[in-house]
């Protein structure tokens, strides 16, 4: 399978005013998800559990944006969801984006 394109991670967040250090943390969470998906068979329950864990970890970072004088706004939320959508498409995983990100609290 072709490697996931690095440029697809959080495109909008890297092009805007968000604190790079915090965006990099979110990227590392999503990279771990891509790494997981690259090494396992497509078991929908395991895939969903991995996305749930990723969203919970991202939830924990939201306050960090405020600490840096930023916020986790609509553009940030959409950037995360768009990256998840790219990941789902790359691995041909048939999970609705709302379900894949159901644990998000941002």
PDB file of N, CA and C in Angstrom:
ATOM      1  N   UNK A   1       0.836  -1.180   0.000  1.00  0.00           N
ATOM      2  CA  UNK A   1       0.000   0.000   0.000  1.00  0.00           C
ATOM      3  C   UNK A   1       0.883   1.247   0.000  1.00  0.00           C
ATOM      4  N   UNK A   2       0.426   2.249  -0.718  1.00  0.00           N
ATOM      5  CA  UNK A   2       1.139   3.514  -0.792  1.00  0.00           C
ATOM      6  C   UNK A   2       1.139   4.215   0.569  1.00  0.00           C
ATOM      7  N   UNK A   3       2.273   4.844   0.896  1.00  0.00           N
ATOM      8  CA  UNK A   3       2.422   5.540   2.165  1.00  0.00           C
ATOM      9  C   UNK A   3       1.487   6.749   2.221  1.00  0.00           C
ATOM     10  N   UNK A   4       0.953   7.012   3.415  1.00  0.00           N
ATOM     11  CA  UNK A   4       0.073   8.163   3.617  1.00  0.00           C
ATOM     12  C   UNK A   4       0.877   9.449   3.424  1.00  0.00           C
ATOM     13  N   UNK A   5       0.336  10.368   2.666  1.00  0.00           N
ATOM     14  CA  UNK A   5       1.015  11.614   2.309  1.00  0.00           C
ATOM     15  C   UNK A   5       1.108  12.560   3.512  1.00  0.00           C
ATOM     16  N   UNK A   6       2.315  12.900   3.909  1.00  0.00           N
ATOM     17  CA  UNK A   6       2.576  13.796   5.050  1.00  0.00           C
ATOM     18  C   UNK A   6       1.874  15.143   4.908  1.00  0.00           C
ATOM     19  N   UNK A   7       1.704  15.609   3.693  1.00  0.00           N
ATOM     20  CA  UNK A   7       1.087  16.923   3.462  1.00  0.00           C
ATOM     21  C   UNK A   7      -0.391  16.948   3.829  1.00  0.00           C
ATOM     22  N   UNK A   8      -0.995  15.796   4.026  1.00  0.00           N
ATOM     23  CA  UNK A   8      -2.429  15.738   4.312  1.00  0.00           C
ATOM     24  C   UNK A   8      -2.761  15.925   5.786  1.00  0.00           C
ATOM     25  N   UNK A   9      -1.759  15.943   6.631  1.00  0.00           N
ATOM     26  CA  UNK A   9      -2.011  16.118   8.067  1.00  0.00           C
ATOM     27  C   UNK A   9      -2.312  17.578   8.392  1.00  0.00           C
ATOM     28  N   UNK A  10      -3.500  17.840   8.887  1.00  0.00           N
ATOM     29  CA  UNK A  10      -3.862  19.123   9.501  1.00  0.00           C
ATOM     30  C   UNK A  10      -3.467  20.322   8.653  1.00  0.00           C
ATOM     31  N   UNK A  11      -3.776  20.253   7.372  1.00  0.00           N
ATOM     32  CA  UNK A  11      -3.367  21.288   6.427  1.00  0.00           C
ATOM     33  C   UNK A  11      -3.772  22.694   6.874  1.00  0.00           C
ATOM     34  N   UNK A  12      -5.004  22.877   7.228  1.00  0.00           N
ATOM     35  CA  UNK A  12      -5.504  24.195   7.617  1.00  0.00           C
ATOM     36  C   UNK A  12      -4.829  24.701   8.893  1.00  0.00           C
ATOM     37  N   UNK A  13      -4.568  23.813   9.817  1.00  0.00           N
ATOM     38  CA  UNK A  13      -3.969  24.234  11.080  1.00  0.00           C
ATOM     39  C   UNK A  13      -2.518  24.670  10.892  1.00  0.00           C
ATOM     40  N   UNK A  14      -1.804  24.017   9.987  1.00  0.00           N
ATOM     41  CA  UNK A  14      -0.422  24.406   9.745  1.00  0.00           C
ATOM     42  C   UNK A  14      -0.328  25.709   8.940  1.00  0.00           C
ATOM     43  N   UNK A  15      -1.395  26.081   8.261  1.00  0.00           N
ATOM     44  CA  UNK A  15      -1.384  27.303   7.455  1.00  0.00           C
ATOM     45  C   UNK A  15      -1.952  28.493   8.215  1.00  0.00           C
ATOM     46  N   UNK A  16      -2.312  28.329   9.451  1.00  0.00           N
ATOM     47  CA  UNK A  16      -2.967  29.391  10.192  1.00  0.00           C
ATOM     48  C   UNK A  16      -2.184  29.732  11.460  1.00  0.00           C
ATOM     49  N   UNK A  17      -2.814  30.404  12.359  1.00  0.00           N
ATOM     50  CA  UNK A  17      -2.161  30.973  13.534  1.00  0.00           C
ATOM     51  C   UNK A  17      -2.006  30.016  14.708  1.00  0.00           C
ATOM     52  N   UNK A  18      -2.352  28.788  14.580  1.00  0.00           N
ATOM     53  CA  UNK A  18      -2.321  27.841  15.692  1.00  0.00           C
ATOM     54  C   UNK A  18      -0.897  27.583  16.171  1.00  0.00           C
ATOM     55  N   UNK A  19      -0.740  27.323  17.467  1.00  0.00           N
ATOM     56  CA  UNK A  19       0.609  27.048  17.988  1.00  0.00           C
ATOM     57  C   UNK A  19       1.160  25.746  17.387  1.00  0.00           C
ATOM     58  N   UNK A  20       2.272  25.874  16.661  1.00  0.00           N
ATOM     59  CA  UNK A  20       2.845  24.733  15.943  1.00  0.00           C
ATOM     60  C   UNK A  20       3.117  23.555  16.876  1.00  0.00           C
ATOM     61  N   UNK A  21       3.583  23.854  18.084  1.00  0.00           N
ATOM     62  CA  UNK A  21       3.903  22.789  19.035  1.00  0.00           C
ATOM     63  C   UNK A  21       2.654  21.944  19.348  1.00  0.00           C
ATOM     64  N   UNK A  22       1.527  22.588  19.513  1.00  0.00           N
ATOM     65  CA  UNK A  22       0.280  21.879  19.809  1.00  0.00           C
ATOM     66  C   UNK A  22      -0.230  21.131  18.584  1.00  0.00           C
ATOM     67  N   UNK A  23      -0.117  21.748  17.423  1.00  0.00           N
ATOM     68  CA  UNK A  23      -0.543  21.086  16.185  1.00  0.00           C
ATOM     69  C   UNK A  23       0.323  19.850  15.941  1.00  0.00           C
ATOM     70  N   UNK A  24       1.610  19.966  16.223  1.00  0.00           N
ATOM     71  CA  UNK A  24       2.510  18.815  16.076  1.00  0.00           C
ATOM     72  C   UNK A  24       2.093  17.654  16.989  1.00  0.00           C
ATOM     73  N   UNK A  25       1.596  17.981  18.177  1.00  0.00           N
ATOM     74  CA  UNK A  25       1.130  16.925  19.095  1.00  0.00           C
ATOM     75  C   UNK A  25      -0.087  16.205  18.518  1.00  0.00           C
ATOM     76  N   UNK A  26      -0.997  16.961  17.937  1.00  0.00           N
ATOM     77  CA  UNK A  26      -2.164  16.338  17.308  1.00  0.00           C
ATOM     78  C   UNK A  26      -1.720  15.486  16.127  1.00  0.00           C
ATOM     79  N   UNK A  27      -0.795  16.017  15.347  1.00  0.00           N
ATOM     80  CA  UNK A  27      -0.277  15.251  14.212  1.00  0.00           C
ATOM     81  C   UNK A  27       0.324  13.937  14.687  1.00  0.00           C
ATOM     82  N   UNK A  28       1.087  13.961  15.779  1.00  0.00           N
ATOM     83  CA  UNK A  28       1.719  12.721  16.249  1.00  0.00           C
ATOM     84  C   UNK A  28       0.671  11.685  16.654  1.00  0.00           C
ATOM     85  N   UNK A  29      -0.442  12.144  17.193  1.00  0.00           N
ATOM     86  CA  UNK A  29      -1.535  11.222  17.537  1.00  0.00           C
ATOM     87  C   UNK A  29      -2.098  10.594  16.263  1.00  0.00           C
ATOM     88  N   UNK A  30      -2.297  11.409  15.238  1.00  0.00           N
ATOM     89  CA  UNK A  30      -2.839  10.889  13.981  1.00  0.00           C
ATOM     90  C   UNK A  30      -1.824  10.030  13.230  1.00  0.00           C
ATOM     91  N   UNK A  31      -0.557  10.362  13.344  1.00  0.00           N
ATOM     92  CA  UNK A  31       0.495   9.518  12.742  1.00  0.00           C
ATOM     93  C   UNK A  31       0.479   8.137  13.395  1.00  0.00           C
ATOM     94  N   UNK A  32       0.295   8.103  14.710  1.00  0.00           N
ATOM     95  CA  UNK A  32       0.218   6.810  15.404  1.00  0.00           C
ATOM     96  C   UNK A  32      -0.968   5.996  14.899  1.00  0.00           C
ATOM     97  N   UNK A  33      -2.065   6.662  14.591  1.00  0.00           N
ATOM     98  CA  UNK A  33      -3.227   5.967  14.031  1.00  0.00           C
ATOM     99  C   UNK A  33      -2.896   5.404  12.657  1.00  0.00           C
ATOM    100  N   UNK A  34      -2.236   6.189  11.826  1.00  0.00           N
ATOM    101  CA  UNK A  34      -1.827   5.715  10.499  1.00  0.00           C
ATOM    102  C   UNK A  34      -0.866   4.540  10.637  1.00  0.00           C
ATOM    103  N   UNK A  35       0.074   4.632  11.554  1.00  0.00           N
ATOM    104  CA  UNK A  35       1.002   3.520  11.782  1.00  0.00           C
ATOM    105  C   UNK A  35       0.253   2.257  12.194  1.00  0.00           C
ATOM    106  N   UNK A  36      -0.722   2.420  13.082  1.00  0.00           N
ATOM    107  CA  UNK A  36      -1.546   1.289  13.517  1.00  0.00           C
ATOM    108  C   UNK A  36      -2.273   0.673  12.319  1.00  0.00           C
ATOM    109  N   UNK A  37      -2.893   1.513  11.515  1.00  0.00           N
ATOM    110  CA  UNK A  37      -3.659   1.015  10.370  1.00  0.00           C
ATOM    111  C   UNK A  37      -2.771   0.367   9.315  1.00  0.00           C
ATOM    112  N   UNK A  38      -1.516   0.760   9.281  1.00  0.00           N
ATOM    113  CA  UNK A  38      -0.567   0.199   8.309  1.00  0.00           C
ATOM    114  C   UNK A  38      -0.120  -1.206   8.683  1.00  0.00           C
ATOM    115  N   UNK A  39      -0.348  -1.584   9.943  1.00  0.00           N
ATOM    116  CA  UNK A  39       0.193  -2.858  10.412  1.00  0.00           C
ATOM    117  C   UNK A  39      -0.862  -3.885  10.793  1.00  0.00           C
ATOM    118  N   UNK A  40      -2.139  -3.531  10.709  1.00  0.00           N
ATOM    119  CA  UNK A  40      -3.182  -4.475  11.125  1.00  0.00           C
ATOM    120  C   UNK A  40      -4.153  -4.743   9.988  1.00  0.00           C
ATOM    121  N   UNK A  41      -4.816  -5.856  10.115  1.00  0.00           N
ATOM    122  CA  UNK A  41      -5.913  -6.154   9.204  1.00  0.00           C
ATOM    123  C   UNK A  41      -7.055  -5.188   9.527  1.00  0.00           C
ATOM    124  N   UNK A  42      -7.884  -4.926   8.592  1.00  0.00           N
ATOM    125  CA  UNK A  42      -8.965  -3.957   8.780  1.00  0.00           C
ATOM    126  C   UNK A  42     -10.112  -4.564   9.587  1.00  0.00           C
ATOM    127  N   UNK A  43      -9.924  -4.657  10.886  1.00  0.00           N
ATOM    128  CA  UNK A  43     -10.973  -5.073  11.804  1.00  0.00           C
ATOM    129  C   UNK A  43     -11.665  -3.798  12.266  1.00  0.00           C
ATOM    130  N   UNK A  44     -12.899  -3.590  11.823  1.00  0.00           N
ATOM    131  CA  UNK A  44     -13.608  -2.338  12.064  1.00  0.00           C
ATOM    132  C   UNK A  44     -13.662  -1.990  13.549  1.00  0.00           C
ATOM    133  N   UNK A  45     -13.860  -2.959  14.400  1.00  0.00           N
ATOM    134  CA  UNK A  45     -13.930  -2.675  15.837  1.00  0.00           C
ATOM    135  C   UNK A  45     -12.594  -2.161  16.366  1.00  0.00           C
ATOM    136  N   UNK A  46     -11.498  -2.759  15.938  1.00  0.00           N
ATOM    137  CA  UNK A  46     -10.173  -2.301  16.363  1.00  0.00           C
ATOM    138  C   UNK A  46      -9.860  -0.918  15.791  1.00  0.00           C
ATOM    139  N   UNK A  47     -10.238  -0.716  14.546  1.00  0.00           N
ATOM    140  CA  UNK A  47     -10.021   0.582  13.912  1.00  0.00           C
ATOM    141  C   UNK A  47     -10.800   1.664  14.651  1.00  0.00           C
ATOM    142  N   UNK A  48     -12.068   1.387  14.941  1.00  0.00           N
ATOM    143  CA  UNK A  48     -12.891   2.360  15.659  1.00  0.00           C
ATOM    144  C   UNK A  48     -12.318   2.639  17.048  1.00  0.00           C
ATOM    145  N   UNK A  49     -11.881   1.614  17.726  1.00  0.00           N
ATOM    146  CA  UNK A  49     -11.286   1.792  19.060  1.00  0.00           C
ATOM    147  C   UNK A  49     -10.041   2.678  18.978  1.00  0.00           C
ATOM    148  N   UNK A  50      -9.259   2.508  17.915  1.00  0.00           N
ATOM    149  CA  UNK A  50      -8.069   3.330  17.751  1.00  0.00           C
ATOM    150  C   UNK A  50      -8.438   4.788  17.501  1.00  0.00           C
ATOM    151  N   UNK A  51      -9.439   5.026  16.678  1.00  0.00           N
ATOM    152  CA  UNK A  51      -9.897   6.405  16.449  1.00  0.00           C
ATOM    153  C   UNK A  51     -10.488   7.003  17.723  1.00  0.00           C
ATOM    154  N   UNK A  52     -11.214   6.202  18.489  1.00  0.00           N
ATOM    155  CA  UNK A  52     -11.759   6.688  19.764  1.00  0.00           C
ATOM    156  C   UNK A  52     -10.631   7.157  20.681  1.00  0.00           C
ATOM    157  N   UNK A  53      -9.592   6.348  20.787  1.00  0.00           N
ATOM    158  CA  UNK A  53      -8.449   6.692  21.623  1.00  0.00           C
ATOM    159  C   UNK A  53      -7.774   7.960  21.113  1.00  0.00           C
ATOM    160  N   UNK A  54      -7.614   8.069  19.816  1.00  0.00           N
ATOM    161  CA  UNK A  54      -6.990   9.261  19.234  1.00  0.00           C
ATOM    162  C   UNK A  54      -7.797  10.516  19.555  1.00  0.00           C
ATOM    163  N   UNK A  55      -9.110  10.445  19.411  1.00  0.00           N
ATOM    164  CA  UNK A  55      -9.952  11.612  19.689  1.00  0.00           C
ATOM    165  C   UNK A  55      -9.892  11.998  21.169  1.00  0.00           C
ATOM    166  N   UNK A  56      -9.854  11.022  22.047  1.00  0.00           N
ATOM    167  CA  UNK A  56      -9.749  11.318  23.482  1.00  0.00           C
ATOM    168  C   UNK A  56      -8.429  12.017  23.797  1.00  0.00           C
ATOM    169  N   UNK A  57      -7.354  11.596  23.144  1.00  0.00           N
ATOM    170  CA  UNK A  57      -6.056  12.240  23.347  1.00  0.00           C
ATOM    171  C   UNK A  57      -6.060  13.666  22.803  1.00  0.00           C
ATOM    172  N   UNK A  58      -6.700  13.865  21.672  1.00  0.00           N
ATOM    173  CA  UNK A  58      -6.794  15.214  21.103  1.00  0.00           C
ATOM    174  C   UNK A  58      -7.637  16.104  22.010  1.00  0.00           C
ATOM    175  N   UNK A  59      -8.718  15.557  22.567  1.00  0.00           N
ATOM    176  CA  UNK A  59      -9.542  16.327  23.511  1.00  0.00           C
ATOM    177  C   UNK A  59      -8.688  16.916  24.632  1.00  0.00           C
ATOM    178  N   UNK A  60      -7.723  16.147  25.085  1.00  0.00           N
ATOM    179  CA  UNK A  60      -6.868  16.581  26.195  1.00  0.00           C
ATOM    180  C   UNK A  60      -5.972  17.762  25.819  1.00  0.00           C
ATOM    181  N   UNK A  61      -5.800  18.010  24.536  1.00  0.00           N
ATOM    182  CA  UNK A  61      -4.912  19.080  24.088  1.00  0.00           C
ATOM    183  C   UNK A  61      -5.625  20.409  23.845  1.00  0.00           C
ATOM    184  N   UNK A  62      -6.932  20.407  23.856  1.00  0.00           N
ATOM    185  CA  UNK A  62      -7.688  21.604  23.510  1.00  0.00           C
ATOM    186  C   UNK A  62      -7.324  22.787  24.407  1.00  0.00           C
ATOM    187  N   UNK A  63      -7.233  22.570  25.705  1.00  0.00           N
ATOM    188  CA  UNK A  63      -6.899  23.662  26.621  1.00  0.00           C
ATOM    189  C   UNK A  63      -5.517  24.237  26.364  1.00  0.00           C
ATOM    190  N   UNK A  64      -4.624  23.422  25.837  1.00  0.00           N
ATOM    191  CA  UNK A  64      -3.273  23.885  25.535  1.00  0.00           C
ATOM    192  C   UNK A  64      -3.290  25.027  24.514  1.00  0.00           C
ATOM    193  N   UNK A  65      -4.239  24.991  23.599  1.00  0.00           N
ATOM    194  CA  UNK A  65      -4.345  26.050  22.599  1.00  0.00           C
ATOM    195  C   UNK A  65      -4.618  27.394  23.281  1.00  0.00           C
ATOM    196  N   UNK A  66      -5.494  27.382  24.272  1.00  0.00           N
ATOM    197  CA  UNK A  66      -5.804  28.611  25.003  1.00  0.00           C
ATOM    198  C   UNK A  66      -4.586  29.118  25.770  1.00  0.00           C
ATOM    199  N   UNK A  67      -3.808  28.204  26.300  1.00  0.00           N
ATOM    200  CA  UNK A  67      -2.594  28.578  27.029  1.00  0.00           C
ATOM    201  C   UNK A  67      -1.602  29.321  26.131  1.00  0.00           C
ATOM    202  N   UNK A  68      -1.637  29.031  24.835  1.00  0.00           N
ATOM    203  CA  UNK A  68      -0.752  29.690  23.872  1.00  0.00           C
ATOM    204  C   UNK A  68      -1.424  30.898  23.216  1.00  0.00           C
ATOM    205  N   UNK A  69      -2.569  31.311  23.757  1.00  0.00           N
ATOM    206  CA  UNK A  69      -3.262  32.476  23.203  1.00  0.00           C
ATOM    207  C   UNK A  69      -4.008  32.189  21.917  1.00  0.00           C
ATOM    208  N   UNK A  70      -4.330  30.939  21.695  1.00  0.00           N
ATOM    209  CA  UNK A  70      -5.043  30.510  20.504  1.00  0.00           C
ATOM    210  C   UNK A  70      -6.362  29.892  20.952  1.00  0.00           C
ATOM    211  N   UNK A  71      -7.064  29.271  20.041  1.00  0.00           N
ATOM    212  CA  UNK A  71      -8.259  28.527  20.401  1.00  0.00           C
ATOM    213  C   UNK A  71      -8.468  27.387  19.424  1.00  0.00           C
ATOM    214  N   UNK A  72      -9.217  26.423  19.871  1.00  0.00           N
ATOM    215  CA  UNK A  72      -9.543  25.273  19.030  1.00  0.00           C
ATOM    216  C   UNK A  72     -10.899  25.566  18.407  1.00  0.00           C
ATOM    217  N   UNK A  73     -10.885  26.300  17.311  1.00  0.00           N
ATOM    218  CA  UNK A  73     -12.106  26.810  16.701  1.00  0.00           C
ATOM    219  C   UNK A  73     -12.602  25.901  15.578  1.00  0.00           C
ATOM    220  N   UNK A  74     -13.541  26.421  14.806  1.00  0.00           N
ATOM    221  CA  UNK A  74     -14.143  25.640  13.724  1.00  0.00           C
ATOM    222  C   UNK A  74     -13.101  25.181  12.708  1.00  0.00           C
ATOM    223  N   UNK A  75     -12.169  26.046  12.362  1.00  0.00           N
ATOM    224  CA  UNK A  75     -11.133  25.664  11.394  1.00  0.00           C
ATOM    225  C   UNK A  75     -10.307  24.501  11.937  1.00  0.00           C
ATOM    226  N   UNK A  76      -9.956  24.553  13.205  1.00  0.00           N
ATOM    227  CA  UNK A  76      -9.177  23.466  13.819  1.00  0.00           C
ATOM    228  C   UNK A  76      -9.976  22.165  13.821  1.00  0.00           C
ATOM    229  N   UNK A  77     -11.227  22.249  14.229  1.00  0.00           N
ATOM    230  CA  UNK A  77     -12.078  21.044  14.256  1.00  0.00           C
ATOM    231  C   UNK A  77     -12.192  20.433  12.858  1.00  0.00           C
ATOM    232  N   UNK A  78     -12.435  21.286  11.878  1.00  0.00           N
ATOM    233  CA  UNK A  78     -12.574  20.793  10.506  1.00  0.00           C
ATOM    234  C   UNK A  78     -11.261  20.219   9.972  1.00  0.00           C
ATOM    235  N   UNK A  79     -10.149  20.796  10.371  1.00  0.00           N
ATOM    236  CA  UNK A  79      -8.850  20.296   9.930  1.00  0.00           C
ATOM    237  C   UNK A  79      -8.591  18.887  10.462  1.00  0.00           C
ATOM    238  N   UNK A  80      -8.924  18.667  11.731  1.00  0.00           N
ATOM    239  CA  UNK A  80      -8.776  17.330  12.309  1.00  0.00           C
ATOM    240  C   UNK A  80      -9.695  16.347  11.585  1.00  0.00           C
ATOM    241  N   UNK A  81     -10.946  16.735  11.407  1.00  0.00           N
ATOM    242  CA  UNK A  81     -11.906  15.831  10.749  1.00  0.00           C
ATOM    243  C   UNK A  81     -11.504  15.553   9.298  1.00  0.00           C
ATOM    244  N   UNK A  82     -10.997  16.570   8.607  1.00  0.00           N
ATOM    245  CA  UNK A  82     -10.551  16.371   7.226  1.00  0.00           C
ATOM    246  C   UNK A  82      -9.377  15.397   7.178  1.00  0.00           C
ATOM    247  N   UNK A  83      -8.465  15.502   8.119  1.00  0.00           N
ATOM    248  CA  UNK A  83      -7.334  14.572   8.158  1.00  0.00           C
ATOM    249  C   UNK A  83      -7.824  13.150   8.423  1.00  0.00           C
ATOM    250  N   UNK A  84      -8.774  12.994   9.331  1.00  0.00           N
ATOM    251  CA  UNK A  84      -9.351  11.669   9.591  1.00  0.00           C
ATOM    252  C   UNK A  84     -10.018  11.143   8.320  1.00  0.00           C
ATOM    253  N   UNK A  85     -10.707  12.008   7.614  1.00  0.00           N
ATOM    254  CA  UNK A  85     -11.357  11.612   6.359  1.00  0.00           C
ATOM    255  C   UNK A  85     -10.312  11.123   5.356  1.00  0.00           C
ATOM    256  N   UNK A  86      -9.201  11.846   5.240  1.00  0.00           N
ATOM    257  CA  UNK A  86      -8.117  11.424   4.344  1.00  0.00           C
ATOM    258  C   UNK A  86      -7.576  10.057   4.757  1.00  0.00           C
ATOM    259  N   UNK A  87      -7.419   9.842   6.051  1.00  0.00           N
ATOM    260  CA  UNK A  87      -6.913   8.559   6.550  1.00  0.00           C
ATOM    261  C   UNK A  87      -7.882   7.439   6.215  1.00  0.00           C
ATOM    262  N   UNK A  88      -9.153   7.656   6.472  1.00  0.00           N
ATOM    263  CA  UNK A  88     -10.169   6.636   6.162  1.00  0.00           C
ATOM    264  C   UNK A  88     -10.150   6.293   4.675  1.00  0.00           C
ATOM    265  N   UNK A  89     -10.081   7.309   3.830  1.00  0.00           N
ATOM    266  CA  UNK A  89     -10.063   7.082   2.382  1.00  0.00           C
ATOM    267  C   UNK A  89      -8.793   6.361   1.952  1.00  0.00           C
ATOM    268  N   UNK A  90      -7.665   6.755   2.513  1.00  0.00           N
ATOM    269  CA  UNK A  90      -6.389   6.135   2.143  1.00  0.00           C
ATOM    270  C   UNK A  90      -6.403   4.625   2.408  1.00  0.00           C
ATOM    271  N   UNK A  91      -6.980   4.242   3.533  1.00  0.00           N
ATOM    272  CA  UNK A  91      -7.004   2.827   3.906  1.00  0.00           C
ATOM    273  C   UNK A  91      -8.296   2.123   3.485  1.00  0.00           C
ATOM    274  N   UNK A  92      -9.136   2.812   2.714  1.00  0.00           N
ATOM    275  CA  UNK A  92     -10.407   2.251   2.242  1.00  0.00           C
ATOM    276  C   UNK A  92     -11.236   1.685   3.384  1.00  0.00           C
ATOM    277  N   UNK A  93     -11.342   2.469   4.452  1.00  0.00           N
ATOM    278  CA  UNK A  93     -12.105   2.050   5.626  1.00  0.00           C
ATOM    279  C   UNK A  93     -13.489   2.663   5.548  1.00  0.00           C
ATOM    280  N   UNK A  94     -14.480   1.810   5.632  1.00  0.00           N
ATOM    281  CA  UNK A  94     -15.871   2.251   5.503  1.00  0.00           C
ATOM    282  C   UNK A  94     -16.472   2.557   6.876  1.00  0.00           C
ATOM    283  N   UNK A  95     -16.015   3.680   7.450  1.00  0.00           N
ATOM    284  CA  UNK A  95     -16.583   4.186   8.697  1.00  0.00           C
ATOM    285  C   UNK A  95     -16.961   5.632   8.430  1.00  0.00           C
ATOM    286  N   UNK A  96     -18.153   6.004   8.810  1.00  0.00           N
ATOM    287  CA  UNK A  96     -18.613   7.374   8.669  1.00  0.00           C
ATOM    288  C   UNK A  96     -17.726   8.298   9.509  1.00  0.00           C
ATOM    289  N   UNK A  97     -17.445   9.486   9.007  1.00  0.00           N
ATOM    290  CA  UNK A  97     -16.578  10.425   9.709  1.00  0.00           C
ATOM    291  C   UNK A  97     -17.131  10.780  11.084  1.00  0.00           C
ATOM    292  N   UNK A  98     -18.431  10.886  11.214  1.00  0.00           N
ATOM    293  CA  UNK A  98     -19.035  11.194  12.519  1.00  0.00           C
ATOM    294  C   UNK A  98     -18.795  10.064  13.519  1.00  0.00           C
ATOM    295  N   UNK A  99     -18.849   8.846  13.029  1.00  0.00           N
ATOM    296  CA  UNK A  99     -18.590   7.709  13.909  1.00  0.00           C
ATOM    297  C   UNK A  99     -17.098   7.619  14.246  1.00  0.00           C
ATOM    298  N   UNK A 100     -16.258   7.841  13.252  1.00  0.00           N
ATOM    299  CA  UNK A 100     -14.810   7.747  13.484  1.00  0.00           C
ATOM    300  C   UNK A 100     -14.346   8.780  14.511  1.00  0.00           C
ATOM    301  N   UNK A 101     -15.025   9.917  14.562  1.00  0.00           N
ATOM    302  CA  UNK A 101     -14.626  10.992  15.477  1.00  0.00           C
ATOM    303  C   UNK A 101     -15.628  11.174  16.616  1.00  0.00           C
ATOM    304  N   UNK A 102     -16.373  10.157  16.907  1.00  0.00           N
ATOM    305  CA  UNK A 102     -17.474  10.253  17.883  1.00  0.00           C
ATOM    306  C   UNK A 102     -17.026  10.640  19.295  1.00  0.00           C
ATOM    307  N   UNK A 103     -15.799  10.373  19.644  1.00  0.00           N
ATOM    308  CA  UNK A 103     -15.297  10.697  20.981  1.00  0.00           C
ATOM    309  C   UNK A 103     -14.762  12.114  21.089  1.00  0.00           C
ATOM    310  N   UNK A 104     -14.800  12.851  19.991  1.00  0.00           N
ATOM    311  CA  UNK A 104     -14.270  14.213  20.048  1.00  0.00           C
ATOM    312  C   UNK A 104     -15.154  15.096  20.916  1.00  0.00           C
ATOM    313  N   UNK A 105     -14.501  15.966  21.637  1.00  0.00           N
ATOM    314  CA  UNK A 105     -15.202  16.897  22.517  1.00  0.00           C
ATOM    315  C   UNK A 105     -14.725  18.300  22.194  1.00  0.00           C
ATOM    316  N   UNK A 106     -14.468  18.528  20.924  1.00  0.00           N
ATOM    317  CA  UNK A 106     -13.964  19.827  20.479  1.00  0.00           C
ATOM    318  C   UNK A 106     -14.794  20.326  19.323  1.00  0.00           C
TER     319      UNK A 106
END
